[in-house]
Structure formats: structure tokens, C-alpha cells
């Protein structure tokens, strides 16, 4: 199975989780820079739960969502497009948002240069993305550690460590006055640890992911099954805890 097939299957399964994200929870760093009447572009809008909050902040300005796998979002125009080849004229938007998009592309700078092209003079851009280089996990054993290393291998050909580079990439793309920040996302309640465990367990059961791991010789069927089972068991432990970083950056055209 190809990397794209593995990613596509992951996107379909995780859409319900993504739909719980809102502008208040995942784009709070950008909201203070939005004003009514702005035209806003949300790159990689997914199910649109964040897009709706951004749209409310710029109304009556126009909000457009872009996604490779678009789905309807009430009151929002959603366009099927590659973020590196946008179907919009130069200088079309006053505000641009991209959340959890750049980690999935091979050339994040190409996406941001395209974002710069469609940004009007003075437009604001806000990026938020994960960096898969570290997490706090407890309790942890060799099976869980191996599973995390394998999860990173599944992302080969994309940009799993883009979070730390957001500020640099915006500067390289031609944006100015760029500032960076970060926030920790933690799973510290029984509901949260079960949710994280279910997501990780499912990763090692995706048919496309399993086929890729077997085809590349990264793991055996028994090892993948053990990873999935161990995550499920981890999620039921009363002291389980997981924390990860989300990196953010804001800049102007």
C-alpha cells in the first residue's frame, strides 16, 4: 500500500475525532487577529468544526475551506483542491488558517508560498501543527515505544517534525513579523486516555497501514496486533497519561 493510501484511510477514520476540534480549542492563537469583514481561507479544513468558528469571527466576510477530501459544512463554501495549487487569484484573502495540515505534506514550503500568493497585503496567517519528535507517556513499555517509532515511520515522505519549523517556513515563504508559540495537549482523564488509546490502537489495525508495515518489513502481524492490544490496555490503566506539543505561528503578508 502507498503512503497516500495509508494517509487517506487514516483521515477517514479520524474525521469523527477531528470534528470535536473548534476554533476556541485549536485556533485561539489566531482569533484575536481576525476582524469582521475579512475574507478567510481555511487550508485543510477537514470536517469544518474549526472553520465554523473562524467564519463567525470574520462574518460578514467570506470564508472558504479547502480540503483534498471535502465534506459539506453548513454555510461554508468548501473546495476540493491541493493546498499547493490553489484555484484562487492572487491577493484573494485577508486571513489564512492551516491547522494540522503541514505534517501531512511532503513540501510544506510549497503550500506556504501558495498561501502567500493568495494573501492580500497585510493579510494575517495562522499555523498550528504537531511535532512528532516527543511526547510524555506513562506508563510506557517496549511495545508502546516501538509503536511510537513505527507511527513516525508511517509518516515518512511527509513532514512529521514540521511543528518546530513553522516560524522559519513562514519567513521563507515571504511573511513578516512572524511569532511562534506552543501549547501542550494532554490526555489525563479516563475518557481522554481511552480516546487516545483507541486512536493509537486503530492505527496498527488500518488495513492499508498493516499492509505497508508488512510490505516494508517494519513489523510482523503479531507485533502489530500486540501494539494495538497494548494501547487498548494502556487506555484502561487508572494512572495513564499522555502529553504532546502543538506548535503555532502567526505572520503577516
C-alpha atoms as a PDB file:
ATOM      1  CA  UNK A   1       0.000   0.000   0.000  1.00  0.00           C
ATOM      2  CA  UNK A   2       1.209   3.507  -0.757  1.00  0.00           C
ATOM      3  CA  UNK A   3       1.797   6.300   1.746  1.00  0.00           C
ATOM      4  CA  UNK A   4      -1.162   8.188   0.261  1.00  0.00           C
ATOM      5  CA  UNK A   5      -3.481   5.203   0.709  1.00  0.00           C
ATOM      6  CA  UNK A   6      -2.368   4.845   4.318  1.00  0.00           C
ATOM      7  CA  UNK A   7      -2.984   8.548   4.960  1.00  0.00           C
ATOM      8  CA  UNK A   8      -6.360   8.558   3.197  1.00  0.00           C
ATOM      9  CA  UNK A   9      -7.598   5.671   5.320  1.00  0.00           C
ATOM     10  CA  UNK A  10      -6.372   7.415   8.456  1.00  0.00           C
ATOM     11  CA  UNK A  11      -8.175  10.607   7.501  1.00  0.00           C
ATOM     12  CA  UNK A  12     -11.466   8.768   7.051  1.00  0.00           C
ATOM     13  CA  UNK A  13     -11.225   7.016  10.408  1.00  0.00           C
ATOM     14  CA  UNK A  14     -10.117  10.093  12.380  1.00  0.00           C
ATOM     15  CA  UNK A  15     -12.687  12.528  10.974  1.00  0.00           C
ATOM     16  CA  UNK A  16     -15.021  11.999  13.981  1.00  0.00           C
ATOM     17  CA  UNK A  17     -12.142  12.916  16.335  1.00  0.00           C
ATOM     18  CA  UNK A  18     -11.230  15.942  14.222  1.00  0.00           C
ATOM     19  CA  UNK A  19     -14.854  17.089  14.313  1.00  0.00           C
ATOM     20  CA  UNK A  20     -14.549  17.722  18.064  1.00  0.00           C
ATOM     21  CA  UNK A  21     -11.979  20.471  17.430  1.00  0.00           C
ATOM     22  CA  UNK A  22     -13.169  24.078  17.472  1.00  0.00           C
ATOM     23  CA  UNK A  23     -11.685  27.485  16.775  1.00  0.00           C
ATOM     24  CA  UNK A  24     -11.711  28.176  20.515  1.00  0.00           C
ATOM     25  CA  UNK A  25      -9.809  24.963  21.323  1.00  0.00           C
ATOM     26  CA  UNK A  26      -7.434  24.781  18.350  1.00  0.00           C
ATOM     27  CA  UNK A  27      -7.161  28.264  16.806  1.00  0.00           C
ATOM     28  CA  UNK A  28      -7.345  30.557  19.843  1.00  0.00           C
ATOM     29  CA  UNK A  29      -3.926  31.992  18.912  1.00  0.00           C
ATOM     30  CA  UNK A  30      -5.372  33.351  15.639  1.00  0.00           C
ATOM     31  CA  UNK A  31      -8.779  34.617  16.807  1.00  0.00           C
ATOM     32  CA  UNK A  32      -7.504  37.944  18.268  1.00  0.00           C
ATOM     33  CA  UNK A  33      -6.173  38.888  14.820  1.00  0.00           C
ATOM     34  CA  UNK A  34      -9.472  38.332  12.980  1.00  0.00           C
ATOM     35  CA  UNK A  35     -11.948  41.115  12.268  1.00  0.00           C
ATOM     36  CA  UNK A  36     -15.492  41.259  10.846  1.00  0.00           C
ATOM     37  CA  UNK A  37     -15.475  41.653   7.068  1.00  0.00           C
ATOM     38  CA  UNK A  38     -12.249  39.738   6.422  1.00  0.00           C
ATOM     39  CA  UNK A  39     -12.225  37.124   3.665  1.00  0.00           C
ATOM     40  CA  UNK A  40     -10.748  33.970   5.202  1.00  0.00           C
ATOM     41  CA  UNK A  41      -9.237  30.795   3.745  1.00  0.00           C
ATOM     42  CA  UNK A  42      -9.029  27.626   5.853  1.00  0.00           C
ATOM     43  CA  UNK A  43      -6.497  25.208   4.360  1.00  0.00           C
ATOM     44  CA  UNK A  44      -7.064  21.541   5.164  1.00  0.00           C
ATOM     45  CA  UNK A  45     -10.428  22.344   6.729  1.00  0.00           C
ATOM     46  CA  UNK A  46     -11.435  18.704   7.292  1.00  0.00           C
ATOM     47  CA  UNK A  47     -14.921  18.383   8.816  1.00  0.00           C
ATOM     48  CA  UNK A  48     -15.124  22.174   9.229  1.00  0.00           C
ATOM     49  CA  UNK A  49     -15.606  22.355  13.000  1.00  0.00           C
ATOM     50  CA  UNK A  50     -12.747  24.876  13.314  1.00  0.00           C
ATOM     51  CA  UNK A  51     -13.785  26.623  10.097  1.00  0.00           C
ATOM     52  CA  UNK A  52     -17.203  27.457  11.518  1.00  0.00           C
ATOM     53  CA  UNK A  53     -15.677  29.334  14.451  1.00  0.00           C
ATOM     54  CA  UNK A  54     -13.279  31.221  12.193  1.00  0.00           C
ATOM     55  CA  UNK A  55     -16.166  32.124   9.882  1.00  0.00           C
ATOM     56  CA  UNK A  56     -18.124  33.543  12.802  1.00  0.00           C
ATOM     57  CA  UNK A  57     -15.159  35.764  13.702  1.00  0.00           C
ATOM     58  CA  UNK A  58     -14.910  37.314  10.216  1.00  0.00           C
ATOM     59  CA  UNK A  59     -18.616  37.475   9.269  1.00  0.00           C
ATOM     60  CA  UNK A  60     -19.966  39.058   7.119  1.00  0.00           C
ATOM     61  CA  UNK A  61     -16.683  38.370   5.296  1.00  0.00           C
ATOM     62  CA  UNK A  62     -16.482  35.288   3.083  1.00  0.00           C
ATOM     63  CA  UNK A  63     -14.955  32.069   4.417  1.00  0.00           C
ATOM     64  CA  UNK A  64     -13.721  29.331   2.093  1.00  0.00           C
ATOM     65  CA  UNK A  65     -12.474  25.903   3.155  1.00  0.00           C
ATOM     66  CA  UNK A  66     -10.058  23.792   1.113  1.00  0.00           C
ATOM     67  CA  UNK A  67      -9.510  20.061   1.548  1.00  0.00           C
ATOM     68  CA  UNK A  68      -8.380  17.095  -0.513  1.00  0.00           C
ATOM     69  CA  UNK A  69     -11.314  15.130   0.912  1.00  0.00           C
ATOM     70  CA  UNK A  70     -14.039  17.775   1.231  1.00  0.00           C
ATOM     71  CA  UNK A  71     -17.304  17.258   3.022  1.00  0.00           C
ATOM     72  CA  UNK A  72     -20.220  19.687   3.329  1.00  0.00           C
ATOM     73  CA  UNK A  73     -20.012  22.367   6.032  1.00  0.00           C
ATOM     74  CA  UNK A  74     -23.197  24.299   6.741  1.00  0.00           C
ATOM     75  CA  UNK A  75     -22.926  27.855   5.466  1.00  0.00           C
ATOM     76  CA  UNK A  76     -19.325  27.464   4.274  1.00  0.00           C
ATOM     77  CA  UNK A  77     -18.062  27.122   0.706  1.00  0.00           C
ATOM     78  CA  UNK A  78     -15.737  24.109   0.623  1.00  0.00           C
ATOM     79  CA  UNK A  79     -13.475  23.475  -2.378  1.00  0.00           C
ATOM     80  CA  UNK A  80     -11.662  20.261  -3.309  1.00  0.00           C
ATOM     81  CA  UNK A  81      -8.085  21.284  -4.051  1.00  0.00           C
ATOM     82  CA  UNK A  82      -4.411  20.675  -3.351  1.00  0.00           C
ATOM     83  CA  UNK A  83      -3.169  23.332  -0.923  1.00  0.00           C
ATOM     84  CA  UNK A  84      -0.033  23.718  -3.055  1.00  0.00           C
ATOM     85  CA  UNK A  85      -2.127  24.526  -6.158  1.00  0.00           C
ATOM     86  CA  UNK A  86      -4.986  26.732  -5.034  1.00  0.00           C
ATOM     87  CA  UNK A  87      -7.749  27.666  -7.508  1.00  0.00           C
ATOM     88  CA  UNK A  88      -7.856  31.311  -6.379  1.00  0.00           C
ATOM     89  CA  UNK A  89      -6.431  34.532  -7.850  1.00  0.00           C
ATOM     90  CA  UNK A  90      -3.534  36.444  -6.315  1.00  0.00           C
ATOM     91  CA  UNK A  91      -4.396  38.502  -3.254  1.00  0.00           C
ATOM     92  CA  UNK A  92      -7.820  36.968  -2.630  1.00  0.00           C
ATOM     93  CA  UNK A  93      -7.831  36.656   1.190  1.00  0.00           C
ATOM     94  CA  UNK A  94      -7.317  38.789   4.299  1.00  0.00           C
ATOM     95  CA  UNK A  95      -6.754  35.851   6.639  1.00  0.00           C
ATOM     96  CA  UNK A  96      -5.452  32.296   6.198  1.00  0.00           C
ATOM     97  CA  UNK A  97      -5.512  29.381   8.618  1.00  0.00           C
ATOM     98  CA  UNK A  98      -3.923  25.937   8.384  1.00  0.00           C
ATOM     99  CA  UNK A  99      -4.329  23.546  11.301  1.00  0.00           C
ATOM    100  CA  UNK A 100      -2.710  20.087  11.337  1.00  0.00           C
ATOM    101  CA  UNK A 101      -2.145  20.287   7.590  1.00  0.00           C
ATOM    102  CA  UNK A 102       1.576  20.703   7.015  1.00  0.00           C
ATOM    103  CA  UNK A 103       2.558  17.497   8.842  1.00  0.00           C
ATOM    104  CA  UNK A 104       0.754  15.596   6.068  1.00  0.00           C
ATOM    105  CA  UNK A 105       2.546  17.130   3.067  1.00  0.00           C
ATOM    106  CA  UNK A 106       5.997  16.443   1.653  1.00  0.00           C
ATOM    107  CA  UNK A 107       6.767  20.094   0.847  1.00  0.00           C
ATOM    108  CA  UNK A 108       5.227  22.452   3.414  1.00  0.00           C
ATOM    109  CA  UNK A 109       7.108  25.427   1.987  1.00  0.00           C
ATOM    110  CA  UNK A 110       5.312  24.999  -1.348  1.00  0.00           C
ATOM    111  CA  UNK A 111       1.972  25.213   0.491  1.00  0.00           C
ATOM    112  CA  UNK A 112       3.018  28.376   2.322  1.00  0.00           C
ATOM    113  CA  UNK A 113       4.324  30.052  -0.826  1.00  0.00           C
ATOM    114  CA  UNK A 114       0.946  29.404  -2.393  1.00  0.00           C
ATOM    115  CA  UNK A 115      -0.705  30.827   0.724  1.00  0.00           C
ATOM    116  CA  UNK A 116       1.451  33.933   0.331  1.00  0.00           C
ATOM    117  CA  UNK A 117       0.338  34.261  -3.286  1.00  0.00           C
ATOM    118  CA  UNK A 118      -3.350  34.369  -2.382  1.00  0.00           C
ATOM    119  CA  UNK A 119      -2.810  36.667   0.629  1.00  0.00           C
ATOM    120  CA  UNK A 120      -3.646  40.342   0.294  1.00  0.00           C
ATOM    121  CA  UNK A 121      -1.125  42.918   1.539  1.00  0.00           C
ATOM    122  CA  UNK A 122      -1.440  42.978   5.316  1.00  0.00           C
ATOM    123  CA  UNK A 123      -3.192  39.592   5.490  1.00  0.00           C
ATOM    124  CA  UNK A 124      -2.658  37.501   8.608  1.00  0.00           C
ATOM    125  CA  UNK A 125      -1.789  33.805   8.542  1.00  0.00           C
ATOM    126  CA  UNK A 126      -2.011  31.384  11.452  1.00  0.00           C
ATOM    127  CA  UNK A 127      -0.499  27.895  11.507  1.00  0.00           C
ATOM    128  CA  UNK A 128      -0.884  25.152  14.099  1.00  0.00           C
ATOM    129  CA  UNK A 129       0.716  21.748  13.783  1.00  0.00           C
ATOM    130  CA  UNK A 130       2.064  18.844  15.756  1.00  0.00           C
ATOM    131  CA  UNK A 131       5.688  17.866  16.108  1.00  0.00           C
ATOM    132  CA  UNK A 132       6.050  14.103  16.371  1.00  0.00           C
ATOM    133  CA  UNK A 133       9.527  14.167  17.934  1.00  0.00           C
ATOM    134  CA  UNK A 134       8.429  13.759  21.502  1.00  0.00           C
ATOM    135  CA  UNK A 135       5.682  13.013  23.944  1.00  0.00           C
ATOM    136  CA  UNK A 136       5.300  12.307  27.629  1.00  0.00           C
ATOM    137  CA  UNK A 137       3.861   8.817  28.009  1.00  0.00           C
ATOM    138  CA  UNK A 138       3.247   6.928  31.231  1.00  0.00           C
ATOM    139  CA  UNK A 139       3.328   4.069  31.853  1.00  0.00           C
ATOM    140  CA  UNK A 140       5.435   3.014  28.876  1.00  0.00           C
ATOM    141  CA  UNK A 141       6.962  -0.308  27.876  1.00  0.00           C
ATOM    142  CA  UNK A 142       8.983  -1.579  24.932  1.00  0.00           C
ATOM    143  CA  UNK A 143       5.870  -2.393  22.881  1.00  0.00           C
ATOM    144  CA  UNK A 144       4.483   1.130  23.225  1.00  0.00           C
ATOM    145  CA  UNK A 145       7.874   2.673  22.463  1.00  0.00           C
ATOM    146  CA  UNK A 146       8.186   0.545  19.340  1.00  0.00           C
ATOM    147  CA  UNK A 147       4.682   1.517  18.304  1.00  0.00           C
ATOM    148  CA  UNK A 148       5.527   5.224  18.557  1.00  0.00           C
ATOM    149  CA  UNK A 149       8.640   4.700  16.454  1.00  0.00           C
ATOM    150  CA  UNK A 150       6.544   2.842  13.879  1.00  0.00           C
ATOM    151  CA  UNK A 151       3.924   5.608  13.874  1.00  0.00           C
ATOM    152  CA  UNK A 152       6.690   8.012  12.875  1.00  0.00           C
ATOM    153  CA  UNK A 153       7.821   5.657  10.106  1.00  0.00           C
ATOM    154  CA  UNK A 154       4.301   5.668   8.685  1.00  0.00           C
ATOM    155  CA  UNK A 155       4.811   9.404   8.161  1.00  0.00           C
ATOM    156  CA  UNK A 156       7.971   9.037   6.075  1.00  0.00           C
ATOM    157  CA  UNK A 157       7.548  11.135   2.949  1.00  0.00           C
ATOM    158  CA  UNK A 158       5.574  13.794   4.818  1.00  0.00           C
ATOM    159  CA  UNK A 159       6.624  16.320   7.486  1.00  0.00           C
ATOM    160  CA  UNK A 160       6.108  14.855  10.972  1.00  0.00           C
ATOM    161  CA  UNK A 161       8.543  17.321  12.576  1.00  0.00           C
ATOM    162  CA  UNK A 162       7.209  20.472  10.936  1.00  0.00           C
ATOM    163  CA  UNK A 163       5.935  21.997  14.174  1.00  0.00           C
ATOM    164  CA  UNK A 164       9.320  23.391  15.196  1.00  0.00           C
ATOM    165  CA  UNK A 165       9.796  24.865  11.720  1.00  0.00           C
ATOM    166  CA  UNK A 166       6.569  26.867  11.364  1.00  0.00           C
ATOM    167  CA  UNK A 167       8.181  30.225  12.088  1.00  0.00           C
ATOM    168  CA  UNK A 168      11.098  29.561   9.735  1.00  0.00           C
ATOM    169  CA  UNK A 169       8.834  28.348   6.941  1.00  0.00           C
ATOM    170  CA  UNK A 170       6.595  31.419   7.127  1.00  0.00           C
ATOM    171  CA  UNK A 171       9.648  33.671   6.850  1.00  0.00           C
ATOM    172  CA  UNK A 172      10.943  31.675   3.883  1.00  0.00           C
ATOM    173  CA  UNK A 173       7.540  31.935   2.210  1.00  0.00           C
ATOM    174  CA  UNK A 174       7.653  35.738   2.411  1.00  0.00           C
ATOM    175  CA  UNK A 175       5.622  36.530   5.516  1.00  0.00           C
ATOM    176  CA  UNK A 176       6.876  39.109   8.041  1.00  0.00           C
ATOM    177  CA  UNK A 177       6.701  39.811  11.782  1.00  0.00           C
ATOM    178  CA  UNK A 178       6.347  36.092  12.451  1.00  0.00           C
ATOM    179  CA  UNK A 179       5.917  34.917  16.035  1.00  0.00           C
ATOM    180  CA  UNK A 180       5.883  31.359  17.340  1.00  0.00           C
ATOM    181  CA  UNK A 181       4.228  29.736  20.328  1.00  0.00           C
ATOM    182  CA  UNK A 182       3.287  26.294  21.603  1.00  0.00           C
ATOM    183  CA  UNK A 183       0.738  24.568  23.788  1.00  0.00           C
ATOM    184  CA  UNK A 184       0.615  21.169  25.390  1.00  0.00           C
ATOM    185  CA  UNK A 185      -2.210  18.773  24.640  1.00  0.00           C
ATOM    186  CA  UNK A 186      -2.673  16.231  27.384  1.00  0.00           C
ATOM    187  CA  UNK A 187      -4.798  13.158  27.966  1.00  0.00           C
ATOM    188  CA  UNK A 188      -5.273  12.883  31.699  1.00  0.00           C
ATOM    189  CA  UNK A 189      -8.804  11.683  32.371  1.00  0.00           C
ATOM    190  CA  UNK A 190     -10.246   8.185  31.877  1.00  0.00           C
ATOM    191  CA  UNK A 191     -12.250   9.406  28.878  1.00  0.00           C
ATOM    192  CA  UNK A 192      -9.260  11.148  27.317  1.00  0.00           C
ATOM    193  CA  UNK A 193      -6.837   8.256  27.763  1.00  0.00           C
ATOM    194  CA  UNK A 194      -9.374   5.832  26.313  1.00  0.00           C
ATOM    195  CA  UNK A 195      -9.838   8.140  23.320  1.00  0.00           C
ATOM    196  CA  UNK A 196      -6.074   8.425  22.740  1.00  0.00           C
ATOM    197  CA  UNK A 197      -5.643   4.676  23.182  1.00  0.00           C
ATOM    198  CA  UNK A 198      -8.438   3.903  20.720  1.00  0.00           C
ATOM    199  CA  UNK A 199      -6.869   6.190  18.120  1.00  0.00           C
ATOM    200  CA  UNK A 200      -3.414   4.664  18.511  1.00  0.00           C
ATOM    201  CA  UNK A 201      -4.763   1.105  18.620  1.00  0.00           C
ATOM    202  CA  UNK A 202      -6.690   1.705  15.410  1.00  0.00           C
ATOM    203  CA  UNK A 203      -3.551   2.953  13.658  1.00  0.00           C
ATOM    204  CA  UNK A 204      -1.972  -0.501  13.842  1.00  0.00           C
ATOM    205  CA  UNK A 205      -5.147  -2.152  12.564  1.00  0.00           C
ATOM    206  CA  UNK A 206      -5.719   0.000   9.440  1.00  0.00           C
ATOM    207  CA  UNK A 207      -5.662  -2.450   6.505  1.00  0.00           C
ATOM    208  CA  UNK A 208      -3.510  -0.059   4.456  1.00  0.00           C
ATOM    209  CA  UNK A 209      -1.162   0.610   7.377  1.00  0.00           C
ATOM    210  CA  UNK A 210      -0.840  -3.082   8.147  1.00  0.00           C
ATOM    211  CA  UNK A 211      -0.087  -3.863   4.502  1.00  0.00           C
ATOM    212  CA  UNK A 212       2.556  -1.146   4.377  1.00  0.00           C
ATOM    213  CA  UNK A 213       4.254  -2.255   7.603  1.00  0.00           C
ATOM    214  CA  UNK A 214       4.341  -5.864   6.402  1.00  0.00           C
ATOM    215  CA  UNK A 215       5.467  -4.902   2.917  1.00  0.00           C
ATOM    216  CA  UNK A 216       8.306  -2.730   4.201  1.00  0.00           C
ATOM    217  CA  UNK A 217       9.344  -5.316   6.756  1.00  0.00           C
ATOM    218  CA  UNK A 218       8.804  -2.875   9.627  1.00  0.00           C
ATOM    219  CA  UNK A 219       6.750  -5.264  11.770  1.00  0.00           C
ATOM    220  CA  UNK A 220       5.051  -8.651  11.731  1.00  0.00           C
ATOM    221  CA  UNK A 221       1.310  -9.233  12.043  1.00  0.00           C
ATOM    222  CA  UNK A 222       1.842 -10.484  15.590  1.00  0.00           C
ATOM    223  CA  UNK A 223       3.801  -7.351  16.516  1.00  0.00           C
ATOM    224  CA  UNK A 224       1.137  -5.068  15.062  1.00  0.00           C
ATOM    225  CA  UNK A 225      -1.582  -6.922  16.935  1.00  0.00           C
ATOM    226  CA  UNK A 226       0.434  -6.630  20.144  1.00  0.00           C
ATOM    227  CA  UNK A 227       0.841  -2.871  19.622  1.00  0.00           C
ATOM    228  CA  UNK A 228      -2.879  -2.421  19.112  1.00  0.00           C
ATOM    229  CA  UNK A 229      -3.726  -4.564  22.141  1.00  0.00           C
ATOM    230  CA  UNK A 230      -1.155  -2.852  24.379  1.00  0.00           C
ATOM    231  CA  UNK A 231      -2.545   0.590  23.566  1.00  0.00           C
ATOM    232  CA  UNK A 232      -6.042  -0.582  24.455  1.00  0.00           C
ATOM    233  CA  UNK A 233      -4.740  -1.926  27.752  1.00  0.00           C
ATOM    234  CA  UNK A 234      -2.832   1.309  28.403  1.00  0.00           C
ATOM    235  CA  UNK A 235      -6.021   3.326  27.947  1.00  0.00           C
ATOM    236  CA  UNK A 236      -7.695   1.408  30.782  1.00  0.00           C
ATOM    237  CA  UNK A 237      -4.930   1.972  33.334  1.00  0.00           C
ATOM    238  CA  UNK A 238      -6.045   4.422  36.046  1.00  0.00           C
ATOM    239  CA  UNK A 239      -2.712   6.284  36.043  1.00  0.00           C
ATOM    240  CA  UNK A 240      -2.281   6.546  32.260  1.00  0.00           C
ATOM    241  CA  UNK A 241      -1.081   9.920  30.972  1.00  0.00           C
ATOM    242  CA  UNK A 242      -0.050  11.282  27.573  1.00  0.00           C
ATOM    243  CA  UNK A 243       1.049  14.790  26.597  1.00  0.00           C
ATOM    244  CA  UNK A 244       2.180  16.194  23.236  1.00  0.00           C
ATOM    245  CA  UNK A 245       3.170  19.567  21.853  1.00  0.00           C
ATOM    246  CA  UNK A 246       1.248  21.606  19.294  1.00  0.00           C
ATOM    247  CA  UNK A 247       3.310  24.402  17.752  1.00  0.00           C
ATOM    248  CA  UNK A 248       1.775  27.638  16.443  1.00  0.00           C
ATOM    249  CA  UNK A 249       2.921  30.618  14.378  1.00  0.00           C
ATOM    250  CA  UNK A 250       1.346  33.869  13.194  1.00  0.00           C
ATOM    251  CA  UNK A 251       2.664  36.148  10.461  1.00  0.00           C
ATOM    252  CA  UNK A 252       1.612  38.866   8.045  1.00  0.00           C
ATOM    253  CA  UNK A 253       1.839  39.374   4.289  1.00  0.00           C
END
